Structures are given as C-alpha cells and as structure tokens.
N, C-alpha and C. Protein backbone atom coordinates (compact mmCIF):
# COMPACT_ATOMS: atom_id res chain seq x y z
N UNK A 1 -15.01 -29.43 -6.80
CA UNK A 1 -15.71 -28.62 -5.83
C UNK A 1 -15.16 -28.87 -4.42
N UNK A 2 -14.84 -30.17 -4.14
CA UNK A 2 -14.29 -30.49 -2.83
C UNK A 2 -12.97 -29.76 -2.61
N UNK A 3 -12.13 -29.70 -3.65
CA UNK A 3 -10.84 -29.02 -3.52
C UNK A 3 -11.04 -27.54 -3.17
N UNK A 4 -11.99 -26.92 -3.80
CA UNK A 4 -12.25 -25.51 -3.52
C UNK A 4 -12.69 -25.33 -2.08
N UNK A 5 -13.57 -26.21 -1.58
CA UNK A 5 -14.02 -26.14 -0.19
C UNK A 5 -12.87 -26.38 0.78
N UNK A 6 -11.99 -27.33 0.46
CA UNK A 6 -10.84 -27.61 1.33
C UNK A 6 -9.89 -26.41 1.34
N UNK A 7 -9.59 -25.85 0.18
CA UNK A 7 -8.72 -24.68 0.10
C UNK A 7 -9.35 -23.51 0.87
N UNK A 8 -10.65 -23.32 0.70
CA UNK A 8 -11.36 -22.25 1.41
C UNK A 8 -11.31 -22.48 2.93
N UNK A 9 -11.52 -23.70 3.37
CA UNK A 9 -11.49 -24.02 4.80
C UNK A 9 -10.10 -23.81 5.39
N UNK A 10 -9.06 -24.27 4.67
CA UNK A 10 -7.68 -24.09 5.14
C UNK A 10 -7.33 -22.61 5.18
N UNK A 11 -7.70 -21.86 4.13
CA UNK A 11 -7.41 -20.43 4.10
C UNK A 11 -8.14 -19.70 5.22
N UNK A 12 -9.39 -20.07 5.45
CA UNK A 12 -10.17 -19.45 6.54
C UNK A 12 -9.55 -19.75 7.89
N UNK A 13 -9.16 -21.01 8.10
CA UNK A 13 -8.53 -21.38 9.37
C UNK A 13 -7.22 -20.62 9.55
N UNK A 14 -6.44 -20.52 8.48
CA UNK A 14 -5.18 -19.76 8.55
C UNK A 14 -5.42 -18.30 8.88
N UNK A 15 -6.43 -17.72 8.25
CA UNK A 15 -6.77 -16.32 8.52
C UNK A 15 -7.19 -16.14 9.97
N UNK A 16 -8.04 -17.02 10.47
CA UNK A 16 -8.52 -16.92 11.86
C UNK A 16 -7.38 -17.10 12.85
N UNK A 17 -6.48 -18.06 12.58
CA UNK A 17 -5.34 -18.26 13.47
C UNK A 17 -4.40 -17.05 13.46
N UNK A 18 -4.18 -16.46 12.29
CA UNK A 18 -3.34 -15.27 12.19
C UNK A 18 -3.97 -14.10 12.94
N UNK A 19 -5.27 -13.91 12.78
CA UNK A 19 -5.98 -12.83 13.48
C UNK A 19 -5.94 -13.06 14.99
N UNK A 20 -6.13 -14.30 15.41
CA UNK A 20 -6.09 -14.60 16.85
C UNK A 20 -4.70 -14.37 17.41
N UNK A 21 -3.67 -14.76 16.66
CA UNK A 21 -2.29 -14.54 17.13
C UNK A 21 -1.99 -13.05 17.21
N UNK A 22 -2.44 -12.28 16.22
CA UNK A 22 -2.25 -10.82 16.25
C UNK A 22 -2.97 -10.20 17.43
N UNK A 23 -4.17 -10.66 17.70
CA UNK A 23 -4.95 -10.14 18.83
C UNK A 23 -4.27 -10.52 20.15
N UNK A 24 -3.73 -11.72 20.24
CA UNK A 24 -3.03 -12.14 21.45
C UNK A 24 -1.80 -11.28 21.68
N UNK A 25 -1.06 -10.98 20.59
CA UNK A 25 0.10 -10.11 20.73
C UNK A 25 -0.32 -8.73 21.20
N UNK A 26 -1.43 -8.21 20.64
CA UNK A 26 -1.92 -6.89 21.02
C UNK A 26 -2.30 -6.88 22.50
N UNK A 27 -2.94 -7.95 22.96
CA UNK A 27 -3.36 -8.02 24.36
C UNK A 27 -2.16 -8.14 25.29
N UNK A 28 -1.08 -8.75 24.83
CA UNK A 28 0.09 -8.90 25.69
C UNK A 28 0.77 -7.57 25.95
N UNK A 29 0.53 -6.56 25.14
CA UNK A 29 1.21 -5.28 25.27
C UNK A 29 0.31 -4.23 25.89
N UNK A 30 -0.39 -4.58 26.93
CA UNK A 30 -1.26 -3.63 27.63
C UNK A 30 -0.47 -2.73 28.57
N UNK A 31 0.70 -3.16 28.98
CA UNK A 31 1.52 -2.40 29.92
C UNK A 31 2.52 -1.53 29.16
N UNK A 32 2.73 -0.32 29.67
CA UNK A 32 3.70 0.59 29.06
C UNK A 32 4.43 1.35 30.15
N UNK A 33 5.74 1.52 29.98
CA UNK A 33 6.52 2.37 30.86
C UNK A 33 7.22 3.42 29.99
N UNK A 34 7.47 4.58 30.58
CA UNK A 34 8.11 5.60 29.77
C UNK A 34 8.62 6.77 30.57
N UNK A 35 9.21 7.69 29.84
CA UNK A 35 9.71 8.94 30.41
C UNK A 35 9.25 10.08 29.50
N UNK A 36 9.15 11.26 30.10
CA UNK A 36 8.69 12.39 29.32
C UNK A 36 9.10 13.72 29.93
N UNK A 37 8.62 14.75 29.28
CA UNK A 37 8.97 16.11 29.67
C UNK A 37 7.76 17.01 29.44
N UNK A 38 7.56 17.95 30.35
CA UNK A 38 6.48 18.94 30.21
C UNK A 38 7.08 20.33 30.21
N UNK A 39 6.54 21.19 29.37
CA UNK A 39 6.77 22.63 29.51
C UNK A 39 5.50 23.16 30.16
N UNK A 40 5.63 23.82 31.29
CA UNK A 40 4.47 24.34 32.00
C UNK A 40 4.56 25.86 32.12
N UNK A 41 3.39 26.49 32.19
CA UNK A 41 3.30 27.92 32.41
C UNK A 41 2.04 28.22 33.21
N UNK A 42 2.09 29.29 33.97
CA UNK A 42 0.92 29.67 34.76
C UNK A 42 -0.11 30.34 33.85
N UNK A 43 -1.37 30.19 34.21
CA UNK A 43 -2.45 30.80 33.44
C UNK A 43 -2.47 32.30 33.66
N UNK A 44 -2.28 32.73 34.91
CA UNK A 44 -2.25 34.16 35.23
C UNK A 44 -0.81 34.61 35.43
N UNK A 45 -0.58 35.90 35.26
CA UNK A 45 0.74 36.46 35.50
C UNK A 45 0.99 36.53 37.01
N UNK A 46 2.19 36.18 37.43
CA UNK A 46 2.57 36.19 38.84
C UNK A 46 3.56 37.33 39.06
N UNK A 47 3.29 38.16 40.05
CA UNK A 47 4.15 39.32 40.31
C UNK A 47 5.12 39.08 41.46
N UNK A 48 5.52 37.85 41.70
CA UNK A 48 6.46 37.55 42.78
C UNK A 48 7.75 37.02 42.17
N UNK A 49 8.88 37.49 42.71
CA UNK A 49 10.18 37.15 42.13
C UNK A 49 10.63 35.72 42.38
N UNK A 50 10.32 35.15 43.52
CA UNK A 50 10.85 33.83 43.85
C UNK A 50 9.87 32.70 43.52
N UNK A 51 8.90 32.97 42.67
CA UNK A 51 8.00 31.93 42.18
C UNK A 51 8.17 31.88 40.66
N UNK A 52 8.54 30.71 40.16
CA UNK A 52 8.69 30.55 38.71
C UNK A 52 7.33 30.68 38.02
N UNK A 53 7.35 31.34 36.89
CA UNK A 53 6.12 31.52 36.10
C UNK A 53 5.98 30.44 35.04
N UNK A 54 7.09 29.82 34.66
CA UNK A 54 7.07 28.73 33.70
C UNK A 54 8.35 27.92 33.86
N UNK A 55 8.41 26.79 33.20
CA UNK A 55 9.60 25.96 33.30
C UNK A 55 9.36 24.58 32.71
N UNK A 56 10.33 23.72 32.93
CA UNK A 56 10.25 22.34 32.44
C UNK A 56 10.18 21.39 33.63
N UNK A 57 9.46 20.32 33.46
CA UNK A 57 9.43 19.25 34.45
C UNK A 57 9.65 17.93 33.72
N UNK A 58 10.04 16.92 34.47
CA UNK A 58 10.38 15.62 33.89
C UNK A 58 9.58 14.56 34.61
N UNK A 59 9.18 13.51 33.89
CA UNK A 59 8.34 12.52 34.54
C UNK A 59 8.66 11.11 34.09
N UNK A 60 8.34 10.19 34.96
CA UNK A 60 8.38 8.76 34.68
C UNK A 60 6.96 8.25 34.84
N UNK A 61 6.58 7.29 34.01
CA UNK A 61 5.19 6.85 34.03
C UNK A 61 5.04 5.36 33.80
N UNK A 62 3.92 4.87 34.28
CA UNK A 62 3.47 3.51 34.00
C UNK A 62 2.03 3.62 33.53
N UNK A 63 1.70 2.90 32.46
CA UNK A 63 0.35 2.96 31.92
C UNK A 63 -0.15 1.55 31.66
N UNK A 64 -1.40 1.31 32.00
CA UNK A 64 -2.05 0.04 31.67
C UNK A 64 -3.29 0.38 30.84
N UNK A 65 -3.39 -0.25 29.68
CA UNK A 65 -4.53 -0.01 28.79
C UNK A 65 -5.24 -1.31 28.49
N UNK A 66 -6.55 -1.21 28.46
CA UNK A 66 -7.38 -2.34 28.05
C UNK A 66 -8.44 -1.79 27.10
N UNK A 67 -8.18 -1.94 25.81
CA UNK A 67 -9.11 -1.39 24.82
C UNK A 67 -9.10 0.14 24.85
N UNK A 68 -10.27 0.71 25.03
CA UNK A 68 -10.43 2.16 25.02
C UNK A 68 -10.23 2.80 26.38
N UNK A 69 -9.97 2.01 27.41
CA UNK A 69 -9.83 2.52 28.77
C UNK A 69 -8.43 2.22 29.29
N UNK A 70 -7.88 3.16 30.04
CA UNK A 70 -6.56 2.95 30.62
C UNK A 70 -6.40 3.71 31.91
N UNK A 71 -5.38 3.36 32.65
CA UNK A 71 -4.98 4.09 33.85
C UNK A 71 -3.49 4.37 33.73
N UNK A 72 -3.09 5.49 34.34
CA UNK A 72 -1.69 5.88 34.28
C UNK A 72 -1.26 6.39 35.63
N UNK A 73 -0.06 6.02 36.04
CA UNK A 73 0.55 6.54 37.26
C UNK A 73 1.84 7.23 36.87
N UNK A 74 2.00 8.49 37.31
CA UNK A 74 3.17 9.30 36.97
C UNK A 74 3.87 9.76 38.23
N UNK A 75 5.15 10.04 38.10
CA UNK A 75 5.90 10.77 39.10
C UNK A 75 6.63 11.87 38.36
N UNK A 76 6.25 13.12 38.64
CA UNK A 76 6.81 14.27 37.95
C UNK A 76 7.75 15.02 38.88
N UNK A 77 8.86 15.52 38.33
CA UNK A 77 9.87 16.21 39.12
C UNK A 77 10.00 17.65 38.63
N UNK A 78 9.90 18.59 39.57
CA UNK A 78 10.07 20.02 39.31
C UNK A 78 11.27 20.53 40.10
N UNK A 79 12.07 21.37 39.48
CA UNK A 79 13.19 21.97 40.19
C UNK A 79 12.65 23.05 41.12
N UNK A 80 13.46 23.43 42.11
CA UNK A 80 13.01 24.43 43.09
C UNK A 80 12.56 25.69 42.37
N UNK A 81 11.59 26.36 42.95
CA UNK A 81 11.01 27.54 42.35
C UNK A 81 9.58 27.31 41.91
N UNK A 82 9.20 26.06 41.63
CA UNK A 82 7.82 25.76 41.25
C UNK A 82 6.92 26.02 42.46
N UNK A 83 5.97 26.91 42.29
CA UNK A 83 5.07 27.26 43.40
C UNK A 83 5.78 27.96 44.53
N UNK A 84 6.99 28.46 44.28
CA UNK A 84 7.76 29.12 45.32
C UNK A 84 8.53 28.17 46.21
N UNK A 85 8.58 26.89 45.87
CA UNK A 85 9.27 25.91 46.71
C UNK A 85 10.77 26.20 46.74
N UNK A 86 11.38 25.97 47.89
CA UNK A 86 12.82 26.21 48.06
C UNK A 86 13.63 24.95 47.75
N UNK A 87 12.95 23.84 47.54
CA UNK A 87 13.60 22.58 47.16
C UNK A 87 12.87 21.99 45.97
N UNK A 88 13.46 20.97 45.36
CA UNK A 88 12.77 20.28 44.27
C UNK A 88 11.46 19.73 44.80
N UNK A 89 10.46 19.68 43.94
CA UNK A 89 9.18 19.09 44.35
C UNK A 89 8.83 17.94 43.41
N UNK A 90 8.11 16.99 43.94
CA UNK A 90 7.71 15.80 43.20
C UNK A 90 6.20 15.71 43.25
N UNK A 91 5.62 15.27 42.14
CA UNK A 91 4.17 15.16 42.07
C UNK A 91 3.76 13.75 41.66
N UNK A 92 3.34 12.92 42.60
CA UNK A 92 2.73 11.64 42.23
C UNK A 92 1.32 11.94 41.67
N UNK A 93 0.96 11.26 40.57
CA UNK A 93 -0.31 11.52 39.90
C UNK A 93 -0.93 10.23 39.40
N UNK A 94 -2.25 10.25 39.23
CA UNK A 94 -2.97 9.12 38.64
C UNK A 94 -4.01 9.66 37.67
N UNK A 95 -4.17 8.98 36.53
CA UNK A 95 -5.10 9.41 35.49
C UNK A 95 -5.98 8.25 35.04
N UNK A 96 -7.21 8.56 34.68
CA UNK A 96 -8.11 7.63 34.00
C UNK A 96 -8.16 8.09 32.55
N UNK A 97 -7.88 7.19 31.61
CA UNK A 97 -7.74 7.53 30.20
C UNK A 97 -8.88 6.90 29.40
N UNK A 98 -9.45 7.68 28.49
CA UNK A 98 -10.48 7.18 27.57
C UNK A 98 -10.04 7.49 26.14
N UNK A 99 -9.96 6.47 25.30
CA UNK A 99 -9.55 6.65 23.92
C UNK A 99 -8.33 5.82 23.59
N UNK A 100 -7.96 5.85 22.33
CA UNK A 100 -6.77 5.11 21.89
C UNK A 100 -5.74 6.08 21.35
N UNK A 101 -5.73 6.30 20.04
CA UNK A 101 -4.75 7.21 19.47
C UNK A 101 -5.05 8.64 19.92
N UNK A 102 -6.28 9.06 19.77
CA UNK A 102 -6.73 10.35 20.30
C UNK A 102 -7.42 10.05 21.63
N UNK A 103 -6.97 10.69 22.71
CA UNK A 103 -7.51 10.34 24.02
C UNK A 103 -7.74 11.56 24.90
N UNK A 104 -8.54 11.35 25.94
CA UNK A 104 -8.77 12.35 26.97
C UNK A 104 -8.54 11.66 28.32
N UNK A 105 -8.10 12.43 29.30
CA UNK A 105 -7.82 11.85 30.61
C UNK A 105 -8.18 12.85 31.70
N UNK A 106 -8.54 12.32 32.85
CA UNK A 106 -8.78 13.14 34.04
C UNK A 106 -7.93 12.54 35.15
N UNK A 107 -7.34 13.42 35.97
CA UNK A 107 -6.43 12.91 36.99
C UNK A 107 -6.42 13.72 38.26
N UNK A 108 -5.70 13.17 39.22
CA UNK A 108 -5.51 13.79 40.52
C UNK A 108 -4.06 13.57 40.93
N UNK A 109 -3.51 14.50 41.66
CA UNK A 109 -2.13 14.36 42.10
C UNK A 109 -1.88 15.19 43.35
N UNK A 110 -0.67 15.10 43.84
CA UNK A 110 -0.29 15.84 45.04
C UNK A 110 1.13 16.34 44.92
N UNK A 111 1.53 17.14 45.88
CA UNK A 111 2.87 17.71 45.91
C UNK A 111 3.65 17.11 47.06
N UNK A 112 4.89 16.78 46.80
CA UNK A 112 5.80 16.32 47.84
C UNK A 112 7.06 17.17 47.75
N UNK A 113 7.32 17.95 48.78
CA UNK A 113 8.53 18.76 48.83
C UNK A 113 8.91 19.00 50.27
N UNK A 114 10.18 19.22 50.49
CA UNK A 114 10.69 19.51 51.82
C UNK A 114 10.30 18.44 52.83
N UNK A 115 10.24 17.19 52.39
CA UNK A 115 9.98 16.07 53.28
C UNK A 115 8.53 15.88 53.68
N UNK A 116 7.59 16.57 53.02
CA UNK A 116 6.19 16.37 53.40
C UNK A 116 5.29 16.40 52.16
N UNK A 117 4.16 15.73 52.30
CA UNK A 117 3.15 15.68 51.26
C UNK A 117 2.11 16.76 51.52
N UNK A 118 1.71 17.48 50.48
CA UNK A 118 0.74 18.57 50.62
C UNK A 118 -0.62 18.04 51.09
N UNK A 119 -1.35 18.91 51.78
CA UNK A 119 -2.68 18.55 52.26
C UNK A 119 -3.73 18.53 51.15
N UNK A 120 -3.59 19.44 50.20
CA UNK A 120 -4.59 19.58 49.14
C UNK A 120 -4.06 19.02 47.83
N UNK A 121 -4.85 18.21 47.14
CA UNK A 121 -4.41 17.68 45.84
C UNK A 121 -4.65 18.70 44.73
N UNK A 122 -4.15 18.39 43.55
CA UNK A 122 -4.52 19.14 42.36
C UNK A 122 -5.28 18.20 41.44
N UNK A 123 -6.06 18.79 40.56
CA UNK A 123 -6.85 18.02 39.60
C UNK A 123 -6.41 18.43 38.20
N UNK A 124 -6.49 17.50 37.25
CA UNK A 124 -5.99 17.79 35.91
C UNK A 124 -6.88 17.15 34.84
N UNK A 125 -6.94 17.83 33.71
CA UNK A 125 -7.55 17.29 32.50
C UNK A 125 -6.48 17.26 31.42
N UNK A 126 -6.52 16.23 30.60
CA UNK A 126 -5.51 16.06 29.56
C UNK A 126 -6.19 15.66 28.24
N UNK A 127 -5.67 16.20 27.16
CA UNK A 127 -6.03 15.75 25.82
C UNK A 127 -4.73 15.38 25.13
N UNK A 128 -4.72 14.24 24.46
CA UNK A 128 -3.46 13.80 23.89
C UNK A 128 -3.60 12.97 22.64
N UNK A 129 -2.44 12.73 22.07
CA UNK A 129 -2.29 11.92 20.88
C UNK A 129 -1.25 10.85 21.21
N UNK A 130 -1.66 9.59 21.21
CA UNK A 130 -0.78 8.45 21.50
C UNK A 130 -0.48 7.74 20.19
N UNK A 131 0.71 8.01 19.64
CA UNK A 131 1.06 7.52 18.31
C UNK A 131 1.94 6.28 18.44
N UNK A 132 1.45 5.11 18.00
CA UNK A 132 2.31 3.92 18.02
C UNK A 132 3.30 3.96 16.85
N UNK A 133 4.56 4.25 17.16
CA UNK A 133 5.59 4.31 16.13
C UNK A 133 6.02 2.91 15.69
N UNK A 134 6.13 2.02 16.65
CA UNK A 134 6.44 0.61 16.44
C UNK A 134 5.50 -0.17 17.35
N UNK A 135 5.39 -1.48 17.20
CA UNK A 135 4.52 -2.23 18.11
C UNK A 135 4.89 -2.05 19.59
N UNK A 136 6.16 -1.76 19.87
CA UNK A 136 6.54 -1.61 21.28
C UNK A 136 6.89 -0.17 21.66
N UNK A 137 6.83 0.78 20.73
CA UNK A 137 7.22 2.16 21.00
C UNK A 137 6.08 3.12 20.69
N UNK A 138 5.70 3.92 21.70
CA UNK A 138 4.63 4.91 21.56
C UNK A 138 5.17 6.30 21.82
N UNK A 139 4.73 7.26 21.02
CA UNK A 139 5.01 8.67 21.25
C UNK A 139 3.72 9.32 21.72
N UNK A 140 3.75 9.97 22.87
CA UNK A 140 2.58 10.61 23.45
C UNK A 140 2.82 12.12 23.47
N UNK A 141 1.96 12.86 22.80
CA UNK A 141 2.00 14.32 22.80
C UNK A 141 0.70 14.78 23.44
N UNK A 142 0.79 15.64 24.47
CA UNK A 142 -0.42 15.99 25.20
C UNK A 142 -0.41 17.42 25.70
N UNK A 143 -1.59 17.89 26.03
CA UNK A 143 -1.79 19.20 26.65
C UNK A 143 -2.59 18.95 27.93
N UNK A 144 -2.20 19.63 29.00
CA UNK A 144 -2.83 19.44 30.31
C UNK A 144 -3.29 20.78 30.88
N UNK A 145 -4.39 20.74 31.59
CA UNK A 145 -4.83 21.90 32.37
C UNK A 145 -4.91 21.42 33.81
N UNK A 146 -4.19 22.10 34.70
CA UNK A 146 -4.17 21.69 36.11
C UNK A 146 -4.77 22.77 37.00
N UNK A 147 -5.66 22.35 37.86
CA UNK A 147 -6.25 23.22 38.86
C UNK A 147 -5.33 23.16 40.08
N UNK A 148 -4.45 24.15 40.19
CA UNK A 148 -3.37 24.14 41.18
C UNK A 148 -3.76 24.86 42.47
N UNK A 149 -3.12 24.44 43.54
CA UNK A 149 -3.20 25.12 44.82
C UNK A 149 -1.82 24.98 45.47
N UNK A 150 -1.07 26.08 45.49
CA UNK A 150 0.32 26.02 45.94
C UNK A 150 0.48 26.35 47.42
N UNK A 151 -0.58 26.28 48.20
CA UNK A 151 -0.52 26.64 49.62
C UNK A 151 0.55 25.87 50.39
N UNK A 152 0.71 24.60 50.09
CA UNK A 152 1.64 23.76 50.86
C UNK A 152 3.07 23.78 50.32
N UNK A 153 3.30 24.45 49.20
CA UNK A 153 4.64 24.47 48.63
C UNK A 153 5.53 25.56 49.23
N UNK A 154 4.92 26.70 49.57
CA UNK A 154 5.72 27.80 50.11
C UNK A 154 4.80 28.85 50.73
N UNK A 155 5.39 29.73 51.50
CA UNK A 155 4.64 30.85 52.07
C UNK A 155 4.15 31.76 50.96
N UNK A 156 5.01 32.00 49.96
CA UNK A 156 4.63 32.85 48.84
C UNK A 156 3.52 32.21 48.01
N UNK A 157 3.52 30.89 47.94
CA UNK A 157 2.51 30.19 47.16
C UNK A 157 1.10 30.39 47.68
N UNK A 158 0.97 30.72 48.96
CA UNK A 158 -0.36 30.95 49.53
C UNK A 158 -1.04 32.17 48.94
N UNK A 159 -0.26 33.14 48.48
CA UNK A 159 -0.85 34.36 47.94
C UNK A 159 -1.08 34.27 46.43
N UNK A 160 -0.70 33.16 45.81
CA UNK A 160 -0.85 33.01 44.36
C UNK A 160 -2.10 32.18 44.08
N UNK A 161 -2.92 32.68 43.17
CA UNK A 161 -4.12 31.97 42.79
C UNK A 161 -4.11 31.80 41.27
N UNK A 162 -3.50 30.74 40.79
CA UNK A 162 -3.43 30.49 39.35
C UNK A 162 -3.38 28.99 39.08
N UNK A 163 -3.85 28.62 37.92
CA UNK A 163 -3.74 27.25 37.45
C UNK A 163 -2.57 27.20 36.47
N UNK A 164 -2.24 26.00 36.01
CA UNK A 164 -1.15 25.88 35.04
C UNK A 164 -1.62 25.10 33.81
N UNK A 165 -0.95 25.39 32.71
CA UNK A 165 -1.15 24.68 31.45
C UNK A 165 0.18 24.06 31.09
N UNK A 166 0.16 22.81 30.67
CA UNK A 166 1.40 22.15 30.26
C UNK A 166 1.25 21.55 28.87
N UNK A 167 2.35 21.54 28.16
CA UNK A 167 2.46 20.81 26.91
C UNK A 167 3.53 19.75 27.13
N UNK A 168 3.21 18.52 26.79
CA UNK A 168 4.15 17.44 27.10
C UNK A 168 4.38 16.48 25.96
N UNK A 169 5.47 15.77 26.09
CA UNK A 169 5.82 14.70 25.17
C UNK A 169 6.46 13.59 25.98
N UNK A 170 6.15 12.36 25.61
CA UNK A 170 6.70 11.21 26.31
C UNK A 170 6.91 10.07 25.33
N UNK A 171 7.87 9.23 25.63
CA UNK A 171 8.10 7.99 24.88
C UNK A 171 7.84 6.84 25.84
N UNK A 172 7.06 5.88 25.38
CA UNK A 172 6.73 4.72 26.22
C UNK A 172 7.02 3.43 25.48
N UNK A 173 7.51 2.44 26.21
CA UNK A 173 7.72 1.09 25.69
C UNK A 173 6.59 0.20 26.15
N UNK A 174 5.99 -0.51 25.21
CA UNK A 174 4.88 -1.41 25.53
C UNK A 174 5.42 -2.82 25.72
N UNK A 175 4.88 -3.52 26.70
CA UNK A 175 5.27 -4.91 26.92
C UNK A 175 4.09 -5.72 27.40
C-alpha cells in the first residue's frame, strides 16, 4: 500500500510540475509582434475620381495579452489616394481585445499624412480569429468596421461621408 501511495505522490508531483512549467511557458509568451495586410473598401459608393474606393494597406503590430484581455498597437500604411490624400498616409491605432481564439476588439486611431496628424480620430470595431499555428506563431484573420472621417486627409475628403470595411490577415510571433 505504501508503494502505491509513493507512486501516486510522485506521479501527482510530476503532473503538477509539468502543468506549472506549461503554464509558465504560456505566461512568458504574452507579447506578440507581427505584420499584416488589409483589403479595405468604402461602405458607400464614392463618385470622385481622385479618391480610392478600395485598396490594400499594410501594417505592423505589437500585442500584449493576459488571459482573455489584450491590447494592441498598430501602425498601418496606405498608399496615396486613400481618402483623397496626395501622399502616403499612416494610421497609428490602439485596440482593446476581449477573447482568445475567437475575439472582439474596439479601437481608436488617427491619420498622419503630409507631415501632420489629423484633428479627428476614427473609431473601429473588429471581430477576429487568432489561430495559434505553433506555440510562437499566430495567424490572425479579422474583419473591421471603421467610422471614418476624411476631412483632414484632403479637400475632396471633406465632401465624402462614408465608413470603411476591411478584411485582414496577419502573422504574429509570440515571445
């Protein structure tokens, strides 16, 4: 009987140590960096020639997750024509994330083009799927709805009243 208790105690201790080590490894990988791409399109049709109606944008991101809650900071790059801009525009953004594999996020961002930051921010909602392919590699597929205001991007942008929808994919490395 003593042998059974000793074997049980050793097995239990081994199981607990393995679980604790796995949990420690999981906690060490709260930080993620990555790159991605969005296909964006306007919700309403735009009747102006020098304003793009859809296109691709590229982004770099940093994400910190703790359990079911996370924050993300992005920098997105759009080629000229987005919102009628005559130069490339950049969008710094921040998101609050709720969920793990299936998640929702709410965010705020701004426009930087032609050497100045826009006065009015944009707001965004995101729904996504964060698929851990490997312990250090995540694939993020998401859809975003952005409440846009292109007043500060161009003169033509002031006459446009539309939001945008984006579909995105990103790869992130966890560390």
